[in-house]
């Protein structure tokens, strides 16, 4: 789960936390952004790198529970065209499981 803010000051810690939470055996990974209030380009880069790494290991990846502000950042940057975005964790799980 992403929490509070992800920006240049903590992007590397965010990346390390994601890497530690994801194992090579994971086939479905959902990043729940319910507690995320801000994301910078550095945070978006971490999410993109994570998506690419998961794609290489044939895992499915999605984000969910974006606030209106974070959803807008995803839309403006085009990330919503690259990474599936779902309203809830249950929606994301349902979509990725099928």
Protein backbone atom coordinates (compact mmCIF):
# COMPACT_ATOMS: atom_id res chain seq x y z
CA UNK A 1 0.00 0.00 0.00
CA UNK A 2 1.29 3.44 -0.91
CA UNK A 3 0.92 5.96 1.90
CA UNK A 4 0.90 9.75 2.23
CA UNK A 5 3.35 11.26 -0.27
CA UNK A 6 5.75 9.80 -2.80
CA UNK A 7 8.22 12.31 -4.19
CA UNK A 8 11.93 12.78 -4.79
CA UNK A 9 12.72 12.67 -1.09
CA UNK A 10 11.36 9.16 -0.55
CA UNK A 11 11.03 7.58 -4.00
CA UNK A 12 13.98 5.24 -3.45
CA UNK A 13 12.47 4.02 -0.16
CA UNK A 14 9.15 3.53 -1.95
CA UNK A 15 10.89 1.49 -4.64
CA UNK A 16 12.71 -0.63 -2.05
CA UNK A 17 9.44 -1.26 -0.20
CA UNK A 18 7.72 -2.36 -3.41
CA UNK A 19 10.60 -4.63 -4.36
CA UNK A 20 10.60 -6.19 -0.89
CA UNK A 21 6.83 -6.75 -0.97
CA UNK A 22 6.81 -8.42 -4.38
CA UNK A 23 8.24 -11.88 -4.82
CA UNK A 24 9.07 -13.62 -8.09
CA UNK A 25 6.16 -15.99 -7.40
CA UNK A 26 3.54 -13.22 -7.32
CA UNK A 27 1.37 -13.40 -10.42
CA UNK A 28 -1.07 -10.66 -9.44
CA UNK A 29 0.11 -7.43 -7.81
CA UNK A 30 -2.22 -4.61 -6.84
CA UNK A 31 -0.90 -1.29 -5.56
CA UNK A 32 -3.56 0.17 -3.26
CA UNK A 33 -3.25 3.96 -3.26
CA UNK A 34 -6.07 4.67 -0.83
CA UNK A 35 -3.71 6.44 1.60
CA UNK A 36 -1.69 8.26 -1.07
CA UNK A 37 -2.21 12.02 -1.06
CA UNK A 38 0.53 13.13 -3.49
CA UNK A 39 2.79 11.60 -6.11
CA UNK A 40 5.55 13.30 -8.09
CA UNK A 41 7.22 12.23 -11.31
CA UNK A 42 9.77 10.36 -9.18
CA UNK A 43 6.97 8.28 -7.68
CA UNK A 44 5.42 7.67 -11.10
CA UNK A 45 8.80 6.47 -12.32
CA UNK A 46 8.94 3.90 -9.50
CA UNK A 47 5.46 2.64 -10.41
CA UNK A 48 6.47 2.37 -14.09
CA UNK A 49 9.67 0.49 -13.23
CA UNK A 50 7.65 -1.85 -11.02
CA UNK A 51 5.11 -2.45 -13.80
CA UNK A 52 7.89 -3.27 -16.27
CA UNK A 53 9.62 -5.64 -13.84
CA UNK A 54 6.35 -7.44 -13.17
CA UNK A 55 5.64 -7.68 -16.89
CA UNK A 56 9.03 -9.37 -17.41
CA UNK A 57 8.10 -12.02 -14.84
CA UNK A 58 4.66 -12.50 -16.45
CA UNK A 59 2.78 -10.98 -13.53
CA UNK A 60 -0.33 -8.84 -13.77
CA UNK A 61 -0.21 -5.37 -12.19
CA UNK A 62 -2.80 -2.72 -11.43
CA UNK A 63 -3.35 0.24 -9.13
CA UNK A 64 -6.53 0.97 -7.23
CA UNK A 65 -8.25 3.42 -4.91
CA UNK A 66 -6.79 6.58 -6.44
CA UNK A 67 -7.94 9.89 -5.01
CA UNK A 68 -9.29 12.40 -7.52
CA UNK A 69 -5.98 14.29 -7.47
CA UNK A 70 -3.85 11.17 -8.01
CA UNK A 71 -6.21 9.90 -10.72
CA UNK A 72 -5.80 13.24 -12.50
CA UNK A 73 -1.99 12.89 -12.37
CA UNK A 74 -2.31 9.38 -13.83
CA UNK A 75 -4.58 10.64 -16.62
CA UNK A 76 -2.46 13.70 -17.49
CA UNK A 77 0.73 11.62 -17.57
CA UNK A 78 -0.93 8.86 -19.60
CA UNK A 79 -0.24 6.25 -16.93
CA UNK A 80 -3.88 5.18 -16.98
CA UNK A 81 -3.23 3.98 -20.56
CA UNK A 82 -0.18 1.95 -19.48
CA UNK A 83 -1.25 0.57 -16.09
CA UNK A 84 -4.78 -0.62 -15.33
CA UNK A 85 -6.54 1.61 -12.79
CA UNK A 86 -9.48 0.34 -10.75
CA UNK A 87 -11.80 2.01 -8.26
CA UNK A 88 -11.32 -0.60 -5.52
CA UNK A 89 -9.03 -3.44 -4.59
CA UNK A 90 -11.87 -5.90 -5.17
CA UNK A 91 -12.44 -4.49 -8.67
CA UNK A 92 -8.72 -4.80 -9.45
CA UNK A 93 -8.55 -8.35 -8.14
CA UNK A 94 -11.62 -9.35 -10.12
CA UNK A 95 -10.24 -7.86 -13.32
CA UNK A 96 -6.77 -9.37 -12.93
CA UNK A 97 -8.03 -12.78 -11.85
CA UNK A 98 -10.13 -13.32 -14.96
